[in-house]
Each structure stands twice: as structure tokens, then as C-alpha cells.
């Protein structure tokens, strides 16, 4: 599922911690939400550098080029699958911005009446990452003290 893809990409991004899949549905559940570790993927740790390099290359040079953003590193994998005879495109990715303590995982699964491909999903994910990056910059600027608020 898309949520399972997001979970494994998150584990790759964070160094191997796989979390239980949880989906809080109400604001109360969101407020009480705490991640629960399912297990460490220590047995796969040696593969992570190569996987990350491949995901970075897909965005820089490969089928996910449309997700590329020169202001942040996006790593991802495109794919195509089928459901009920329809071709679906997907892109599983994460942003590894060096100026942020957060990493964002974005998974896009395209369904439709016509054939869909992973590169189309990568383009949409790239726009999501771009908007997240802009929002992050705006929030940082809004929380920065101005001359009027600095205490002397």
C-alpha cells in the first residue's frame, strides 16, 4: 500500500527505524499521537548507503528528474504497477534538507482512466516538496526576531 511505501522510505531516511503504521483520524488522536517503533532494520543497514545513492540518482538523472529541486536534496524511486488492468504510477520519496531537523516523506500514487507512470507522480511530489520548503522558510522568517523585538 502507499502507507507501507511511506513507512519503508521513512526507515531508509531515518537510518533503519521501522515504525508501526498509525493513522490518527481526529484532532484528539493527533494530539496524543506518539510514534511506536516496530523494529530496527539492522540487518539491512549495510545496504542503506547504496539505496540512498540510487534514490538520489533517480531524482538527479533518472526517471524522477521532474522532482529535482536545487535548494534541497530529494531522494526517491519511481514505479509502475497495475490494478484491475489499469496502469498506476507511483513515486516514493523523502527530503533530506540539511538546514532542517525534519525529513519529509512523500508518496504519490496516481490512478486514472488513462495510463499513469512514475515520472508523473515524481513531478507532483516535487511540487509538494517545493511548497513544503517554501513554507518552512516562511515559518522560519516569521519566528525570527526583528529589530523591534530584540531586547537590548
N, C-alpha and C. Protein backbone atom coordinates (compact mmCIF):
# COMPACT_ATOMS: atom_id res chain seq x y z
N UNK A 1 0.84 -1.19 0.00
CA UNK A 1 0.00 0.00 0.00
C UNK A 1 0.88 1.25 0.00
N UNK A 2 0.27 2.38 -0.26
CA UNK A 2 1.01 3.64 -0.23
C UNK A 2 1.58 3.92 1.15
N UNK A 3 0.82 3.60 2.19
CA UNK A 3 1.29 3.82 3.55
C UNK A 3 2.49 2.92 3.87
N UNK A 4 2.49 1.70 3.37
CA UNK A 4 3.64 0.82 3.57
C UNK A 4 4.87 1.34 2.84
N UNK A 5 4.69 1.88 1.64
CA UNK A 5 5.80 2.51 0.93
C UNK A 5 6.36 3.67 1.74
N UNK A 6 5.48 4.51 2.28
CA UNK A 6 5.93 5.64 3.10
C UNK A 6 6.69 5.15 4.32
N UNK A 7 6.25 4.06 4.91
CA UNK A 7 6.89 3.51 6.10
C UNK A 7 8.31 3.04 5.80
N UNK A 8 8.50 2.33 4.71
CA UNK A 8 9.85 1.82 4.40
C UNK A 8 10.76 2.96 3.96
N UNK A 9 10.23 3.94 3.23
CA UNK A 9 11.05 5.09 2.85
C UNK A 9 11.46 5.88 4.09
N UNK A 10 10.55 5.99 5.04
CA UNK A 10 10.87 6.66 6.31
C UNK A 10 12.00 5.93 7.03
N UNK A 11 11.96 4.60 7.03
CA UNK A 11 13.02 3.81 7.67
C UNK A 11 14.36 4.03 6.98
N UNK A 12 14.35 4.12 5.67
CA UNK A 12 15.59 4.40 4.93
C UNK A 12 16.10 5.79 5.30
N UNK A 13 15.19 6.76 5.38
CA UNK A 13 15.57 8.14 5.67
C UNK A 13 16.13 8.31 7.08
N UNK A 14 15.57 7.57 8.04
CA UNK A 14 15.97 7.78 9.43
C UNK A 14 17.05 6.82 9.92
N UNK A 15 17.58 6.00 9.04
CA UNK A 15 18.68 5.12 9.42
C UNK A 15 18.27 3.73 9.84
N UNK A 16 17.02 3.34 9.64
CA UNK A 16 16.64 1.96 9.87
C UNK A 16 15.57 1.70 10.91
N UNK A 17 14.93 2.73 11.45
CA UNK A 17 13.86 2.50 12.42
C UNK A 17 12.54 2.39 11.68
N UNK A 18 11.91 1.22 11.81
CA UNK A 18 10.61 0.98 11.18
C UNK A 18 9.53 1.16 12.24
N UNK A 19 8.58 2.02 11.96
CA UNK A 19 7.51 2.32 12.92
C UNK A 19 6.24 1.58 12.55
N UNK A 20 5.40 1.34 13.56
CA UNK A 20 4.07 0.80 13.29
C UNK A 20 3.29 1.81 12.47
N UNK A 21 2.49 1.31 11.56
CA UNK A 21 1.64 2.19 10.75
C UNK A 21 0.47 2.64 11.62
N UNK A 22 0.31 3.93 11.75
CA UNK A 22 -0.77 4.51 12.53
C UNK A 22 -1.39 5.63 11.72
N UNK A 23 -2.67 5.79 11.85
CA UNK A 23 -3.36 6.84 11.12
C UNK A 23 -4.34 7.54 12.05
N UNK A 24 -3.87 8.57 12.76
CA UNK A 24 -4.79 9.30 13.63
C UNK A 24 -5.85 10.02 12.81
N UNK A 25 -7.11 9.87 13.20
CA UNK A 25 -8.20 10.41 12.39
C UNK A 25 -8.86 11.66 12.98
N UNK A 26 -8.68 11.89 14.26
CA UNK A 26 -9.30 13.06 14.88
C UNK A 26 -8.21 13.97 15.43
N UNK A 27 -8.59 15.20 15.75
CA UNK A 27 -7.60 16.12 16.32
C UNK A 27 -7.12 15.63 17.68
N UNK A 28 -7.98 14.95 18.43
CA UNK A 28 -7.56 14.39 19.71
C UNK A 28 -6.52 13.29 19.51
N UNK A 29 -6.75 12.43 18.52
CA UNK A 29 -5.78 11.38 18.23
C UNK A 29 -4.46 11.98 17.77
N UNK A 30 -4.51 13.04 16.99
CA UNK A 30 -3.29 13.71 16.54
C UNK A 30 -2.54 14.28 17.74
N UNK A 31 -3.26 14.90 18.67
CA UNK A 31 -2.63 15.50 19.86
C UNK A 31 -1.97 14.43 20.73
N UNK A 32 -2.55 13.25 20.79
CA UNK A 32 -2.00 12.16 21.62
C UNK A 32 -1.03 11.26 20.86
N UNK A 33 -0.83 11.54 19.60
CA UNK A 33 -0.03 10.65 18.75
C UNK A 33 1.40 10.52 19.25
N UNK A 34 1.85 9.30 19.35
CA UNK A 34 3.25 9.02 19.66
C UNK A 34 3.71 7.89 18.74
N UNK A 35 4.82 8.09 18.05
CA UNK A 35 5.32 7.02 17.17
C UNK A 35 5.67 5.79 18.00
N UNK A 36 5.39 4.63 17.44
CA UNK A 36 5.71 3.36 18.10
C UNK A 36 6.66 2.57 17.20
N UNK A 37 7.82 2.24 17.74
CA UNK A 37 8.83 1.51 16.98
C UNK A 37 8.39 0.06 16.83
N UNK A 38 8.41 -0.40 15.59
CA UNK A 38 8.11 -1.81 15.32
C UNK A 38 9.38 -2.64 15.43
N UNK A 39 10.44 -2.16 14.74
CA UNK A 39 11.74 -2.83 14.86
C UNK A 39 12.81 -2.02 14.16
N UNK A 40 14.05 -2.37 14.45
CA UNK A 40 15.20 -1.78 13.78
C UNK A 40 15.58 -2.68 12.60
N UNK A 41 15.89 -2.09 11.49
CA UNK A 41 16.29 -2.86 10.31
C UNK A 41 17.81 -2.98 10.25
N UNK A 42 18.40 -3.41 11.36
CA UNK A 42 19.85 -3.52 11.46
C UNK A 42 20.44 -4.46 10.41
N UNK A 43 19.69 -5.51 10.06
CA UNK A 43 20.19 -6.47 9.08
C UNK A 43 20.30 -5.87 7.67
N UNK A 44 19.66 -4.74 7.43
CA UNK A 44 19.71 -4.08 6.12
C UNK A 44 20.56 -2.82 6.12
N UNK A 45 21.10 -2.46 7.27
CA UNK A 45 21.83 -1.21 7.43
C UNK A 45 22.96 -1.03 6.42
N UNK A 46 23.66 -2.11 6.09
CA UNK A 46 24.77 -2.02 5.15
C UNK A 46 24.32 -1.62 3.74
N UNK A 47 23.05 -1.85 3.42
CA UNK A 47 22.54 -1.54 2.08
C UNK A 47 22.06 -0.10 1.94
N UNK A 48 21.79 0.58 3.07
CA UNK A 48 21.21 1.92 3.01
C UNK A 48 22.03 2.92 2.20
N UNK A 49 23.36 2.97 2.34
CA UNK A 49 24.10 3.95 1.53
C UNK A 49 23.89 3.76 0.03
N UNK A 50 23.90 2.52 -0.43
CA UNK A 50 23.69 2.26 -1.86
C UNK A 50 22.26 2.60 -2.29
N UNK A 51 21.29 2.25 -1.44
CA UNK A 51 19.89 2.56 -1.75
C UNK A 51 19.70 4.07 -1.83
N UNK A 52 20.26 4.80 -0.86
CA UNK A 52 20.14 6.26 -0.86
C UNK A 52 20.81 6.87 -2.09
N UNK A 53 21.96 6.33 -2.47
CA UNK A 53 22.66 6.83 -3.66
C UNK A 53 21.80 6.60 -4.90
N UNK A 54 21.18 5.44 -5.00
CA UNK A 54 20.31 5.16 -6.14
C UNK A 54 19.08 6.05 -6.17
N UNK A 55 18.51 6.31 -4.99
CA UNK A 55 17.34 7.18 -4.91
C UNK A 55 17.71 8.62 -5.28
N UNK A 56 18.88 9.05 -4.85
CA UNK A 56 19.34 10.41 -5.21
C UNK A 56 19.58 10.50 -6.71
N UNK A 57 20.17 9.47 -7.29
CA UNK A 57 20.46 9.47 -8.73
C UNK A 57 19.17 9.46 -9.55
N UNK A 58 18.14 8.77 -9.08
CA UNK A 58 16.86 8.76 -9.80
C UNK A 58 16.30 10.17 -9.93
N UNK A 59 16.48 10.98 -8.88
CA UNK A 59 15.96 12.35 -8.90
C UNK A 59 16.89 13.27 -9.69
N UNK A 60 18.18 13.05 -9.59
CA UNK A 60 19.12 13.93 -10.29
C UNK A 60 19.21 13.64 -11.78
N UNK A 61 19.17 12.35 -12.15
CA UNK A 61 19.46 11.99 -13.54
C UNK A 61 18.43 11.06 -14.19
N UNK A 62 17.55 10.46 -13.40
CA UNK A 62 16.73 9.38 -13.92
C UNK A 62 15.27 9.72 -14.12
N UNK A 63 14.43 8.73 -13.88
CA UNK A 63 13.00 8.85 -14.16
C UNK A 63 12.29 9.84 -13.24
N UNK A 64 12.94 10.26 -12.16
CA UNK A 64 12.32 11.20 -11.22
C UNK A 64 12.90 12.61 -11.35
N UNK A 65 13.53 12.91 -12.48
CA UNK A 65 14.14 14.24 -12.68
C UNK A 65 13.18 15.40 -12.42
N UNK A 66 11.91 15.19 -12.70
CA UNK A 66 10.94 16.27 -12.53
C UNK A 66 10.72 16.64 -11.06
N UNK A 67 11.22 15.84 -10.13
CA UNK A 67 11.12 16.15 -8.70
C UNK A 67 12.32 16.93 -8.20
N UNK A 68 13.34 17.10 -9.04
CA UNK A 68 14.59 17.75 -8.62
C UNK A 68 14.35 19.18 -8.15
N UNK A 69 15.01 19.54 -7.06
CA UNK A 69 14.96 20.90 -6.54
C UNK A 69 16.39 21.27 -6.14
N UNK A 70 16.97 22.30 -6.75
CA UNK A 70 18.36 22.64 -6.43
C UNK A 70 18.56 23.13 -5.00
N UNK A 71 17.47 23.51 -4.32
CA UNK A 71 17.59 24.03 -2.96
C UNK A 71 17.54 22.96 -1.88
N UNK A 72 17.18 21.74 -2.23
CA UNK A 72 17.16 20.67 -1.23
C UNK A 72 17.36 19.32 -1.90
N UNK A 73 17.83 18.38 -1.11
CA UNK A 73 18.08 17.05 -1.66
C UNK A 73 16.81 16.22 -1.52
N UNK A 74 16.32 15.73 -2.63
CA UNK A 74 15.17 14.84 -2.65
C UNK A 74 15.66 13.50 -3.17
N UNK A 75 15.31 12.44 -2.47
CA UNK A 75 15.68 11.09 -2.87
C UNK A 75 14.40 10.32 -3.13
N UNK A 76 14.34 9.53 -4.19
CA UNK A 76 13.10 8.84 -4.47
C UNK A 76 13.24 7.70 -5.46
N UNK A 77 12.15 6.98 -5.61
CA UNK A 77 12.07 5.84 -6.53
C UNK A 77 10.73 5.89 -7.23
N UNK A 78 10.76 5.87 -8.55
CA UNK A 78 9.52 5.81 -9.33
C UNK A 78 9.17 4.35 -9.58
N UNK A 79 7.91 4.14 -9.91
CA UNK A 79 7.49 2.79 -10.25
C UNK A 79 6.15 2.82 -10.96
N UNK A 80 5.83 1.68 -11.53
CA UNK A 80 4.56 1.50 -12.20
C UNK A 80 4.01 0.15 -11.77
N UNK A 81 2.72 0.11 -11.50
CA UNK A 81 2.08 -1.15 -11.15
C UNK A 81 0.70 -1.16 -11.81
N UNK A 82 -0.04 -2.21 -11.61
CA UNK A 82 -1.36 -2.26 -12.22
C UNK A 82 -2.39 -2.72 -11.19
N UNK A 83 -3.62 -2.29 -11.43
CA UNK A 83 -4.74 -2.67 -10.59
C UNK A 83 -5.96 -2.77 -11.49
N UNK A 84 -6.59 -3.92 -11.49
CA UNK A 84 -7.76 -4.15 -12.33
C UNK A 84 -7.51 -3.77 -13.78
N UNK A 85 -6.32 -4.06 -14.27
CA UNK A 85 -5.98 -3.79 -15.66
C UNK A 85 -5.54 -2.37 -15.95
N UNK A 86 -5.65 -1.48 -14.98
CA UNK A 86 -5.23 -0.08 -15.17
C UNK A 86 -3.78 0.08 -14.72
N UNK A 87 -3.05 0.87 -15.44
CA UNK A 87 -1.65 1.13 -15.11
C UNK A 87 -1.57 2.31 -14.14
N UNK A 88 -0.88 2.11 -13.03
CA UNK A 88 -0.74 3.14 -11.99
C UNK A 88 0.71 3.57 -11.89
N UNK A 89 0.93 4.84 -11.68
CA UNK A 89 2.28 5.35 -11.48
C UNK A 89 2.46 5.76 -10.03
N UNK A 90 3.65 5.51 -9.50
CA UNK A 90 3.91 5.92 -8.11
C UNK A 90 5.32 6.47 -7.96
N UNK A 91 5.50 7.23 -6.89
CA UNK A 91 6.79 7.80 -6.54
C UNK A 91 6.87 7.84 -5.02
N UNK A 92 7.86 7.16 -4.47
CA UNK A 92 8.11 7.14 -3.03
C UNK A 92 9.39 7.92 -2.78
N UNK A 93 9.36 8.88 -1.86
CA UNK A 93 10.48 9.80 -1.75
C UNK A 93 10.59 10.41 -0.36
N UNK A 94 11.76 11.01 -0.12
CA UNK A 94 11.92 11.82 1.08
C UNK A 94 12.88 12.95 0.80
N UNK A 95 12.74 13.98 1.61
CA UNK A 95 13.59 15.16 1.51
C UNK A 95 14.60 15.12 2.63
N UNK A 96 15.84 15.35 2.29
CA UNK A 96 16.92 15.32 3.27
C UNK A 96 17.57 16.69 3.33
N UNK A 97 16.79 17.69 3.70
CA UNK A 97 17.29 19.06 3.78
C UNK A 97 18.29 19.18 4.91
N UNK A 98 19.45 19.73 4.62
CA UNK A 98 20.49 19.85 5.65
C UNK A 98 20.17 20.95 6.65
N UNK A 99 19.33 21.92 6.27
CA UNK A 99 19.04 23.02 7.17
C UNK A 99 17.79 22.77 8.02
N UNK A 100 17.33 21.54 8.06
CA UNK A 100 16.12 21.23 8.80
C UNK A 100 16.32 20.00 9.66
N UNK A 101 15.70 20.00 10.81
CA UNK A 101 15.74 18.83 11.66
C UNK A 101 14.70 17.80 11.22
N UNK A 102 13.82 18.19 10.31
CA UNK A 102 12.76 17.31 9.86
C UNK A 102 13.08 16.71 8.50
N UNK A 103 12.60 15.49 8.30
CA UNK A 103 12.64 14.86 6.99
C UNK A 103 11.20 14.58 6.60
N UNK A 104 10.87 14.88 5.37
CA UNK A 104 9.51 14.69 4.90
C UNK A 104 9.47 13.53 3.92
N UNK A 105 8.51 12.64 4.12
CA UNK A 105 8.29 11.53 3.20
C UNK A 105 7.03 11.84 2.41
N UNK A 106 7.15 11.74 1.09
CA UNK A 106 6.00 11.97 0.21
C UNK A 106 5.87 10.76 -0.71
N UNK A 107 4.67 10.18 -0.72
CA UNK A 107 4.37 9.09 -1.65
C UNK A 107 3.17 9.53 -2.48
N UNK A 108 3.32 9.45 -3.78
CA UNK A 108 2.24 9.81 -4.70
C UNK A 108 1.89 8.57 -5.50
N UNK A 109 0.62 8.21 -5.48
CA UNK A 109 0.11 7.09 -6.28
C UNK A 109 -0.96 7.66 -7.20
N UNK A 110 -0.74 7.56 -8.49
CA UNK A 110 -1.68 8.11 -9.48
C UNK A 110 -2.56 7.00 -10.04
N UNK A 111 -3.84 7.24 -9.98
CA UNK A 111 -4.82 6.35 -10.59
C UNK A 111 -5.62 7.19 -11.57
N UNK A 112 -6.10 6.57 -12.57
CA UNK A 112 -6.91 7.35 -13.51
C UNK A 112 -7.40 6.50 -14.65
N UNK A 113 -8.15 7.11 -15.52
CA UNK A 113 -8.70 6.41 -16.65
C UNK A 113 -7.70 6.16 -17.76
N UNK A 114 -6.56 6.83 -17.68
CA UNK A 114 -5.53 6.62 -18.71
C UNK A 114 -4.28 6.08 -18.04
N UNK A 115 -3.31 5.71 -18.83
CA UNK A 115 -2.08 5.15 -18.27
C UNK A 115 -1.33 6.21 -17.46
N UNK A 116 -0.87 5.81 -16.30
CA UNK A 116 -0.10 6.69 -15.42
C UNK A 116 1.29 6.09 -15.24
N UNK A 117 2.27 6.94 -15.08
CA UNK A 117 3.64 6.48 -14.93
C UNK A 117 4.30 7.16 -13.73
N UNK A 118 5.33 6.52 -13.20
CA UNK A 118 6.07 7.05 -12.07
C UNK A 118 6.59 8.46 -12.26
N UNK A 119 7.14 8.81 -13.43
CA UNK A 119 7.62 10.18 -13.61
C UNK A 119 6.53 11.25 -13.42
N UNK A 120 5.28 10.93 -13.75
CA UNK A 120 4.19 11.88 -13.49
C UNK A 120 4.02 12.08 -11.99
N UNK A 121 4.09 10.98 -11.24
CA UNK A 121 3.97 11.05 -9.78
C UNK A 121 5.15 11.83 -9.19
N UNK A 122 6.34 11.66 -9.75
CA UNK A 122 7.52 12.38 -9.26
C UNK A 122 7.35 13.88 -9.44
N UNK A 123 6.77 14.28 -10.55
CA UNK A 123 6.55 15.71 -10.79
C UNK A 123 5.64 16.31 -9.72
N UNK A 124 4.58 15.61 -9.37
CA UNK A 124 3.67 16.08 -8.33
C UNK A 124 4.37 16.14 -6.98
N UNK A 125 5.13 15.10 -6.65
CA UNK A 125 5.86 15.08 -5.38
C UNK A 125 6.87 16.22 -5.33
N UNK A 126 7.52 16.51 -6.44
CA UNK A 126 8.47 17.62 -6.48
C UNK A 126 7.80 18.94 -6.12
N UNK A 127 6.57 19.13 -6.60
CA UNK A 127 5.83 20.35 -6.27
C UNK A 127 5.47 20.38 -4.78
N UNK A 128 5.14 19.23 -4.22
CA UNK A 128 4.84 19.15 -2.78
C UNK A 128 6.07 19.52 -1.97
N UNK A 129 7.23 18.94 -2.33
CA UNK A 129 8.47 19.26 -1.61
C UNK A 129 8.81 20.75 -1.74
N UNK A 130 8.63 21.29 -2.93
CA UNK A 130 8.91 22.72 -3.15
C UNK A 130 8.04 23.58 -2.23
N UNK A 131 6.75 23.25 -2.17
CA UNK A 131 5.84 24.01 -1.31
C UNK A 131 6.18 23.84 0.17
N UNK A 132 6.56 22.63 0.58
CA UNK A 132 6.99 22.41 1.97
C UNK A 132 8.23 23.23 2.29
N UNK A 133 9.17 23.27 1.35
CA UNK A 133 10.40 24.03 1.54
C UNK A 133 10.09 25.53 1.68
N UNK A 134 9.20 26.04 0.83
CA UNK A 134 8.81 27.44 0.91
C UNK A 134 8.10 27.73 2.24
N UNK A 135 7.23 26.84 2.66
CA UNK A 135 6.53 27.01 3.93
C UNK A 135 7.51 27.02 5.10
N UNK A 136 8.47 26.13 5.06
CA UNK A 136 9.49 26.06 6.11
C UNK A 136 10.27 27.37 6.19
N UNK A 137 10.65 27.93 5.04
CA UNK A 137 11.36 29.21 5.03
C UNK A 137 10.49 30.33 5.57
N UNK A 138 9.23 30.35 5.19
CA UNK A 138 8.31 31.38 5.66
C UNK A 138 8.13 31.31 7.17
N UNK A 139 7.96 30.10 7.69
CA UNK A 139 7.81 29.94 9.14
C UNK A 139 9.07 30.34 9.89
N UNK A 140 10.23 30.03 9.33
CA UNK A 140 11.49 30.42 9.96
C UNK A 140 11.64 31.94 9.99
N UNK A 141 11.26 32.59 8.91
CA UNK A 141 11.34 34.05 8.86
C UNK A 141 10.35 34.69 9.83
N UNK A 142 9.17 34.09 9.95
CA UNK A 142 8.15 34.64 10.84
C UNK A 142 8.55 34.51 12.31
N UNK A 143 9.31 33.47 12.64
CA UNK A 143 9.70 33.27 14.04
C UNK A 143 11.02 33.95 14.39
N UNK A 144 11.72 34.48 13.39
CA UNK A 144 12.99 35.16 13.65
C UNK A 144 12.71 36.53 14.28
N UNK A 145 13.50 36.91 15.29
CA UNK A 145 13.28 38.22 15.91
C UNK A 145 13.61 39.35 14.94
N UNK A 146 12.82 40.38 15.01
CA UNK A 146 13.08 41.58 14.20
C UNK A 146 13.77 42.61 15.08
N UNK A 147 14.25 43.68 14.49
CA UNK A 147 14.91 44.74 15.26
C UNK A 147 13.99 45.28 16.35
N UNK A 148 12.70 45.34 16.05
CA UNK A 148 11.74 45.89 17.02
C UNK A 148 11.54 44.96 18.21
N UNK A 149 11.76 43.64 18.00
CA UNK A 149 11.52 42.69 19.09
C UNK A 149 12.78 42.28 19.82
N UNK A 150 13.93 42.66 19.33
CA UNK A 150 15.18 42.32 20.01
C UNK A 150 15.29 43.10 21.31
N UNK A 151 15.74 42.44 22.34
CA UNK A 151 15.95 43.17 23.59
C UNK A 151 17.40 43.57 23.69
N UNK A 152 17.63 44.79 24.05
CA UNK A 152 18.99 45.33 24.12
C UNK A 152 19.48 45.19 25.49
